[in-house]
C-alpha atoms as a PDB file:
ATOM      1  CA  UNK A   1      -9.756 125.193  59.271  1.00  0.00           C
ATOM      2  CA  UNK A   2      -8.462 128.059  61.277  1.00  0.00           C
ATOM      3  CA  UNK A   3      -7.957 126.725  65.262  1.00  0.00           C
ATOM      4  CA  UNK A   4     -10.042 128.824  67.672  1.00  0.00           C
ATOM      5  CA  UNK A   5      -9.275 130.199  70.773  1.00  0.00           C
ATOM      6  CA  UNK A   6     -11.566 128.990  73.587  1.00  0.00           C
ATOM      7  CA  UNK A   7     -12.158 129.633  77.350  1.00  0.00           C
ATOM      8  CA  UNK A   8     -13.992 127.305  79.577  1.00  0.00           C
ATOM      9  CA  UNK A   9     -15.095 129.040  82.988  1.00  0.00           C
ATOM     10  CA  UNK A  10     -15.953 127.120  85.980  1.00  0.00           C
ATOM     11  CA  UNK A  11     -17.269 128.677  89.185  1.00  0.00           C
ATOM     12  CA  UNK A  12     -15.934 125.532  91.113  1.00  0.00           C
ATOM     13  CA  UNK A  13     -13.843 122.786  89.854  1.00  0.00           C
ATOM     14  CA  UNK A  14     -15.971 120.002  88.077  1.00  0.00           C
ATOM     15  CA  UNK A  15     -18.728 122.417  86.737  1.00  0.00           C
ATOM     16  CA  UNK A  16     -17.039 122.114  83.470  1.00  0.00           C
ATOM     17  CA  UNK A  17     -16.689 118.442  83.151  1.00  0.00           C
ATOM     18  CA  UNK A  18     -20.243 118.182  84.144  1.00  0.00           C
ATOM     19  CA  UNK A  19     -21.529 120.911  81.918  1.00  0.00           C
ATOM     20  CA  UNK A  20     -19.252 120.647  78.839  1.00  0.00           C
ATOM     21  CA  UNK A  21     -16.327 118.103  79.041  1.00  0.00           C
ATOM     22  CA  UNK A  22     -17.515 116.187  76.139  1.00  0.00           C
ATOM     23  CA  UNK A  23     -17.247 119.711  74.134  1.00  0.00           C
ATOM     24  CA  UNK A  24     -13.747 120.570  75.347  1.00  0.00           C
ATOM     25  CA  UNK A  25     -12.644 117.133  74.273  1.00  0.00           C
ATOM     26  CA  UNK A  26     -14.153 117.749  70.949  1.00  0.00           C
ATOM     27  CA  UNK A  27     -12.410 121.260  70.678  1.00  0.00           C
ATOM     28  CA  UNK A  28      -9.212 119.680  71.447  1.00  0.00           C
ATOM     29  CA  UNK A  29      -9.460 116.951  68.710  1.00  0.00           C
ATOM     30  CA  UNK A  30     -10.286 119.799  66.348  1.00  0.00           C
ATOM     31  CA  UNK A  31      -7.123 121.344  67.068  1.00  0.00           C
ATOM     32  CA  UNK A  32      -8.266 124.482  68.890  1.00  0.00           C
ATOM     33  CA  UNK A  33      -6.603 126.024  71.829  1.00  0.00           C
ATOM     34  CA  UNK A  34      -8.512 125.356  75.009  1.00  0.00           C
ATOM     35  CA  UNK A  35      -8.349 127.230  78.172  1.00  0.00           C
ATOM     36  CA  UNK A  36      -9.673 127.177  81.551  1.00  0.00           C
ATOM     37  CA  UNK A  37     -10.642 129.505  84.303  1.00  0.00           C
ATOM     38  CA  UNK A  38     -11.568 128.401  87.875  1.00  0.00           C
ATOM     39  CA  UNK A  39     -13.123 131.203  89.943  1.00  0.00           C
ATOM     40  CA  UNK A  40     -13.147 129.464  93.176  1.00  0.00           C
ATOM     41  CA  UNK A  41     -10.534 127.055  95.102  1.00  0.00           C
ATOM     42  CA  UNK A  42     -10.400 125.711  98.613  1.00  0.00           C
ATOM     43  CA  UNK A  43      -7.989 127.229 100.782  1.00  0.00           C
ATOM     44  CA  UNK A  44      -6.959 127.388 104.353  1.00  0.00           C
ATOM     45  CA  UNK A  45      -7.888 130.815 104.947  1.00  0.00           C
ATOM     46  CA  UNK A  46     -11.486 129.836 103.998  1.00  0.00           C
ATOM     47  CA  UNK A  47     -11.785 127.249 106.764  1.00  0.00           C
ATOM     48  CA  UNK A  48     -10.297 124.191 104.490  1.00  0.00           C
ATOM     49  CA  UNK A  49      -7.822 121.747 106.002  1.00  0.00           C
ATOM     50  CA  UNK A  50      -4.506 121.546 104.462  1.00  0.00           C
ATOM     51  CA  UNK A  51      -5.462 117.876 103.003  1.00  0.00           C
ATOM     52  CA  UNK A  52      -8.517 119.213 101.564  1.00  0.00           C
ATOM     53  CA  UNK A  53      -6.572 122.087  99.917  1.00  0.00           C
ATOM     54  CA  UNK A  54      -3.946 119.667  98.639  1.00  0.00           C
ATOM     55  CA  UNK A  55      -6.789 117.118  97.427  1.00  0.00           C
ATOM     56  CA  UNK A  56      -8.370 119.870  95.453  1.00  0.00           C
ATOM     57  CA  UNK A  57      -5.019 120.941  93.766  1.00  0.00           C
ATOM     58  CA  UNK A  58      -4.203 117.678  92.868  1.00  0.00           C
ATOM     59  CA  UNK A  59      -7.717 117.040  91.331  1.00  0.00           C
ATOM     60  CA  UNK A  60      -7.399 120.179  89.153  1.00  0.00           C
ATOM     61  CA  UNK A  61      -3.840 119.193  88.205  1.00  0.00           C
ATOM     62  CA  UNK A  62      -5.029 115.793  86.972  1.00  0.00           C
ATOM     63  CA  UNK A  63      -8.091 117.348  85.245  1.00  0.00           C
ATOM     64  CA  UNK A  64      -6.191 120.112  83.474  1.00  0.00           C
ATOM     65  CA  UNK A  65      -3.662 117.213  82.225  1.00  0.00           C
ATOM     66  CA  UNK A  66      -6.509 114.942  81.064  1.00  0.00           C
ATOM     67  CA  UNK A  67      -8.021 117.797  78.747  1.00  0.00           C
ATOM     68  CA  UNK A  68      -4.740 119.012  77.574  1.00  0.00           C
ATOM     69  CA  UNK A  69      -5.566 122.730  78.616  1.00  0.00           C
ATOM     70  CA  UNK A  70      -3.379 125.259  76.947  1.00  0.00           C
ATOM     71  CA  UNK A  71      -3.422 127.886  80.102  1.00  0.00           C
ATOM     72  CA  UNK A  72      -5.172 127.426  83.653  1.00  0.00           C
ATOM     73  CA  UNK A  73      -6.042 130.114  85.568  1.00  0.00           C
ATOM     74  CA  UNK A  74      -7.425 130.160  89.202  1.00  0.00           C
ATOM     75  CA  UNK A  75      -9.004 133.413  90.870  1.00  0.00           C
ATOM     76  CA  UNK A  76      -9.128 131.651  94.316  1.00  0.00           C
ATOM     77  CA  UNK A  77     -12.330 133.227  95.626  1.00  0.00           C
ATOM     78  CA  UNK A  78     -14.009 131.148  98.275  1.00  0.00           C
ATOM     79  CA  UNK A  79     -16.385 128.624  97.543  1.00  0.00           C
ATOM     80  CA  UNK A  80     -19.820 129.725  98.712  1.00  0.00           C
ATOM     81  CA  UNK A  81     -18.383 133.132  99.021  1.00  0.00           C
ATOM     82  CA  UNK A  82     -18.933 134.851  96.023  1.00  0.00           C
ATOM     83  CA  UNK A  83     -21.176 137.874  96.861  1.00  0.00           C
ATOM     84  CA  UNK A  84     -21.712 141.237  95.768  1.00  0.00           C
ATOM     85  CA  UNK A  85     -18.813 142.577  98.201  1.00  0.00           C
ATOM     86  CA  UNK A  86     -15.989 140.996  96.031  1.00  0.00           C
ATOM     87  CA  UNK A  87     -17.963 141.582  92.828  1.00  0.00           C
ATOM     88  CA  UNK A  88     -16.201 144.346  91.405  1.00  0.00           C
ATOM     89  CA  UNK A  89     -13.135 142.529  92.107  1.00  0.00           C
ATOM     90  CA  UNK A  90     -14.129 139.449  90.305  1.00  0.00           C
ATOM     91  CA  UNK A  91     -14.959 141.290  87.070  1.00  0.00           C
ATOM     92  CA  UNK A  92     -11.645 142.962  87.378  1.00  0.00           C
ATOM     93  CA  UNK A  93      -9.920 139.520  87.756  1.00  0.00           C
ATOM     94  CA  UNK A  94     -12.190 138.036  84.882  1.00  0.00           C
ATOM     95  CA  UNK A  95     -11.243 140.834  82.567  1.00  0.00           C
ATOM     96  CA  UNK A  96      -7.750 140.587  83.240  1.00  0.00           C
ATOM     97  CA  UNK A  97      -7.769 136.743  82.102  1.00  0.00           C
ATOM     98  CA  UNK A  98     -10.003 137.710  78.990  1.00  0.00           C
ATOM     99  CA  UNK A  99      -7.644 140.322  77.694  1.00  0.00           C
ATOM    100  CA  UNK A 100      -4.510 137.895  78.287  1.00  0.00           C
ATOM    101  CA  UNK A 101      -6.541 134.723  76.154  1.00  0.00           C
ATOM    102  CA  UNK A 102      -8.694 136.574  73.730  1.00  0.00           C
ATOM    103  CA  UNK A 103     -10.906 134.031  73.582  1.00  0.00           C
ATOM    104  CA  UNK A 104     -13.315 133.782  70.510  1.00  0.00           C
ATOM    105  CA  UNK A 105     -15.527 131.232  72.356  1.00  0.00           C
ATOM    106  CA  UNK A 106     -16.526 131.319  75.843  1.00  0.00           C
ATOM    107  CA  UNK A 107     -18.284 128.696  77.825  1.00  0.00           C
ATOM    108  CA  UNK A 108     -19.794 130.022  81.175  1.00  0.00           C
ATOM    109  CA  UNK A 109     -22.103 128.555  83.674  1.00  0.00           C
ATOM    110  CA  UNK A 110     -26.056 129.093  83.755  1.00  0.00           C
ATOM    111  CA  UNK A 111     -26.801 132.530  85.054  1.00  0.00           C
ATOM    112  CA  UNK A 112     -29.950 130.939  86.901  1.00  0.00           C
ATOM    113  CA  UNK A 113     -28.510 127.983  88.713  1.00  0.00           C
ATOM    114  CA  UNK A 114     -29.622 127.624  92.145  1.00  0.00           C
ATOM    115  CA  UNK A 115     -26.164 128.213  93.909  1.00  0.00           C
ATOM    116  CA  UNK A 116     -25.554 132.215  94.770  1.00  0.00           C
ATOM    117  CA  UNK A 117     -21.730 131.377  93.491  1.00  0.00           C
ATOM    118  CA  UNK A 118     -23.079 130.308  90.125  1.00  0.00           C
ATOM    119  CA  UNK A 119     -25.901 133.552  89.997  1.00  0.00           C
ATOM    120  CA  UNK A 120     -23.445 136.025  90.796  1.00  0.00           C
ATOM    121  CA  UNK A 121     -20.431 134.507  89.070  1.00  0.00           C
ATOM    122  CA  UNK A 122     -22.352 134.371  85.990  1.00  0.00           C
ATOM    123  CA  UNK A 123     -23.237 138.203  86.223  1.00  0.00           C
ATOM    124  CA  UNK A 124     -19.547 139.061  86.364  1.00  0.00           C
ATOM    125  CA  UNK A 125     -18.777 136.781  83.299  1.00  0.00           C
ATOM    126  CA  UNK A 126     -21.458 138.409  81.146  1.00  0.00           C
ATOM    127  CA  UNK A 127     -20.103 141.734  82.142  1.00  0.00           C
ATOM    128  CA  UNK A 128     -16.632 140.717  80.551  1.00  0.00           C
ATOM    129  CA  UNK A 129     -18.184 139.826  77.344  1.00  0.00           C
ATOM    130  CA  UNK A 130     -19.436 142.738  76.157  1.00  0.00           C
ATOM    131  CA  UNK A 131     -18.757 143.373  72.284  1.00  0.00           C
ATOM    132  CA  UNK A 132     -17.610 146.908  72.648  1.00  0.00           C
ATOM    133  CA  UNK A 133     -15.186 145.924  75.497  1.00  0.00           C
ATOM    134  CA  UNK A 134     -14.023 142.179  74.304  1.00  0.00           C
ATOM    135  CA  UNK A 135     -14.360 142.465  70.366  1.00  0.00           C
ATOM    136  CA  UNK A 136     -12.333 139.217  70.158  1.00  0.00           C
ATOM    137  CA  UNK A 137     -15.398 137.269  71.912  1.00  0.00           C
ATOM    138  CA  UNK A 138     -17.415 135.935  69.038  1.00  0.00           C
ATOM    139  CA  UNK A 139     -19.721 133.295  70.755  1.00  0.00           C
ATOM    140  CA  UNK A 140     -20.773 132.803  74.251  1.00  0.00           C
ATOM    141  CA  UNK A 141     -22.489 129.820  75.586  1.00  0.00           C
ATOM    142  CA  UNK A 142     -23.950 128.680  78.882  1.00  0.00           C
ATOM    143  CA  UNK A 143     -23.969 125.057  79.896  1.00  0.00           C
ATOM    144  CA  UNK A 144     -26.135 123.237  82.706  1.00  0.00           C
ATOM    145  CA  UNK A 145     -24.847 121.721  85.760  1.00  0.00           C
ATOM    146  CA  UNK A 146     -26.308 118.663  87.258  1.00  0.00           C
ATOM    147  CA  UNK A 147     -27.637 119.661  91.147  1.00  0.00           C
ATOM    148  CA  UNK A 148     -27.690 123.185  90.006  1.00  0.00           C
ATOM    149  CA  UNK A 149     -29.645 123.897  86.826  1.00  0.00           C
ATOM    150  CA  UNK A 150     -32.086 121.614  87.397  1.00  0.00           C
ATOM    151  CA  UNK A 151     -32.620 122.596  91.173  1.00  0.00           C
ATOM    152  CA  UNK A 152     -33.409 125.861  90.448  1.00  0.00           C
ATOM    153  CA  UNK A 153     -37.034 127.181  90.947  1.00  0.00           C
ATOM    154  CA  UNK A 154     -38.661 126.518  87.695  1.00  0.00           C
ATOM    155  CA  UNK A 155     -40.225 130.037  87.167  1.00  0.00           C
ATOM    156  CA  UNK A 156     -40.169 131.279  83.521  1.00  0.00           C
ATOM    157  CA  UNK A 157     -37.146 133.363  84.166  1.00  0.00           C
ATOM    158  CA  UNK A 158     -35.107 130.278  85.615  1.00  0.00           C
ATOM    159  CA  UNK A 159     -35.511 127.778  83.137  1.00  0.00           C
ATOM    160  CA  UNK A 160     -32.587 126.500  81.501  1.00  0.00           C
ATOM    161  CA  UNK A 161     -34.053 126.398  77.568  1.00  0.00           C
ATOM    162  CA  UNK A 162     -31.209 124.980  75.514  1.00  0.00           C
ATOM    163  CA  UNK A 163     -31.131 126.061  71.462  1.00  0.00           C
ATOM    164  CA  UNK A 164     -27.328 124.621  70.627  1.00  0.00           C
ATOM    165  CA  UNK A 165     -26.396 121.009  71.141  1.00  0.00           C
ATOM    166  CA  UNK A 166     -23.035 119.150  70.797  1.00  0.00           C
ATOM    167  CA  UNK A 167     -22.824 115.700  69.762  1.00  0.00           C
ATOM    168  CA  UNK A 168     -20.573 113.984  72.465  1.00  0.00           C
ATOM    169  CA  UNK A 169     -21.203 110.566  71.438  1.00  0.00           C
ATOM    170  CA  UNK A 170     -17.438 110.210  70.462  1.00  0.00           C
ATOM    171  CA  UNK A 171     -16.252 111.585  73.502  1.00  0.00           C
ATOM    172  CA  UNK A 172     -18.351 110.553  76.502  1.00  0.00           C
ATOM    173  CA  UNK A 173     -16.366 107.533  77.884  1.00  0.00           C
ATOM    174  CA  UNK A 174     -13.626 109.802  78.141  1.00  0.00           C
ATOM    175  CA  UNK A 175     -15.913 112.316  79.630  1.00  0.00           C
ATOM    176  CA  UNK A 176     -16.603 110.090  82.428  1.00  0.00           C
ATOM    177  CA  UNK A 177     -13.300 108.949  82.893  1.00  0.00           C
ATOM    178  CA  UNK A 178     -12.196 112.582  83.682  1.00  0.00           C
ATOM    179  CA  UNK A 179     -15.158 112.866  85.938  1.00  0.00           C
ATOM    180  CA  UNK A 180     -14.045 110.118  88.064  1.00  0.00           C
ATOM    181  CA  UNK A 181     -11.285 112.056  88.589  1.00  0.00           C
ATOM    182  CA  UNK A 182     -12.841 114.301  91.049  1.00  0.00           C
ATOM    183  CA  UNK A 183     -13.169 111.825  94.011  1.00  0.00           C
ATOM    184  CA  UNK A 184     -14.207 114.143  96.655  1.00  0.00           C
ATOM    185  CA  UNK A 185     -17.146 115.338  94.304  1.00  0.00           C
ATOM    186  CA  UNK A 186     -18.946 112.585  93.246  1.00  0.00           C
ATOM    187  CA  UNK A 187     -21.963 111.120  94.704  1.00  0.00           C
ATOM    188  CA  UNK A 188     -24.399 108.095  94.829  1.00  0.00           C
ATOM    189  CA  UNK A 189     -27.829 107.937  93.217  1.00  0.00           C
ATOM    190  CA  UNK A 190     -30.360 109.463  94.017  1.00  0.00           C
ATOM    191  CA  UNK A 191     -27.889 112.574  94.481  1.00  0.00           C
ATOM    192  CA  UNK A 192     -27.428 114.198  91.016  1.00  0.00           C
ATOM    193  CA  UNK A 193     -23.541 114.185  90.510  1.00  0.00           C
ATOM    194  CA  UNK A 194     -22.619 111.031  89.424  1.00  0.00           C
ATOM    195  CA  UNK A 195     -21.637 108.856  86.475  1.00  0.00           C
ATOM    196  CA  UNK A 196     -25.435 107.284  85.989  1.00  0.00           C
ATOM    197  CA  UNK A 197     -26.986 110.742  86.076  1.00  0.00           C
ATOM    198  CA  UNK A 198     -24.472 112.534  83.764  1.00  0.00           C
ATOM    199  CA  UNK A 199     -25.067 109.630  81.385  1.00  0.00           C
ATOM    200  CA  UNK A 200     -28.847 110.013  81.619  1.00  0.00           C
ATOM    201  CA  UNK A 201     -28.886 113.388  80.885  1.00  0.00           C
ATOM    202  CA  UNK A 202     -26.274 113.391  77.862  1.00  0.00           C
ATOM    203  CA  UNK A 203     -28.920 110.489  76.701  1.00  0.00           C
ATOM    204  CA  UNK A 204     -32.009 112.642  77.179  1.00  0.00           C
ATOM    205  CA  UNK A 205     -30.091 115.642  75.488  1.00  0.00           C
ATOM    206  CA  UNK A 206     -28.786 113.658  72.538  1.00  0.00           C
ATOM    207  CA  UNK A 207     -32.632 112.845  71.780  1.00  0.00           C
ATOM    208  CA  UNK A 208     -33.338 116.208  71.030  1.00  0.00           C
ATOM    209  CA  UNK A 209     -30.405 116.431  68.698  1.00  0.00           C
ATOM    210  CA  UNK A 210     -30.867 112.969  67.241  1.00  0.00           C
ATOM    211  CA  UNK A 211     -27.630 111.714  68.164  1.00  0.00           C
ATOM    212  CA  UNK A 212     -26.718 109.172  70.841  1.00  0.00           C
ATOM    213  CA  UNK A 213     -25.208 111.318  73.454  1.00  0.00           C
ATOM    214  CA  UNK A 214     -25.087 115.356  73.468  1.00  0.00           C
ATOM    215  CA  UNK A 215     -24.453 118.487  75.886  1.00  0.00           C
ATOM    216  CA  UNK A 216     -27.029 121.212  75.727  1.00  0.00           C
ATOM    217  CA  UNK A 217     -26.372 124.978  75.876  1.00  0.00           C
ATOM    218  CA  UNK A 218     -28.055 128.493  76.163  1.00  0.00           C
ATOM    219  CA  UNK A 219     -26.693 130.359  73.368  1.00  0.00           C
ATOM    220  CA  UNK A 220     -25.998 134.092  74.629  1.00  0.00           C
ATOM    221  CA  UNK A 221     -24.322 135.662  71.675  1.00  0.00           C
ATOM    222  CA  UNK A 222     -23.033 134.607  68.258  1.00  0.00           C
ATOM    223  CA  UNK A 223     -21.203 136.945  66.320  1.00  0.00           C
ATOM    224  CA  UNK A 224     -20.398 136.224  62.381  1.00  0.00           C
END
């Protein structure tokens, strides 16, 4: 089977592991090329301390090594600072990465997450998946992110309704090991970003897919 070129996009580091870490590991196991695009990062110019910047940089390096990403791109926009003032620049930067990698499969954040970085980031990403401009992209999937997807107001247009499921039973333990590398991001129950919540969601999604653990996605486009 021909290996696939995959791009995983995080608005903030840790989105990818919470939303599709097991699926990333599955792609790697299948011999696919996995690439990582991060839209934001902690920088001193955004008010973060030098130590915070170094801590996040180390985490990103450790995560990239754990997954075995082929390429890692960081656009370094400000966390909680993605707005329509930078929208055009964001689209241009994402587009540059798309043409460098030419991914066949794109994993992206859910468009209706409560975080405005996620909402505007998702709009910019979708602008860079148009089939007439990016014909190499054959499949686009949105993943869910605990603390952002389920917290969004549950109006009809905001509800995450998955229609694609990935069996991650074989990869759940390694996903959790990688999640623990995000030392500054993990929280205690009842906060949503923790090991127990990630396992609970994977079990719940697994029930729908008739498997022990699964990750869920909304299909945006599939060309075959």
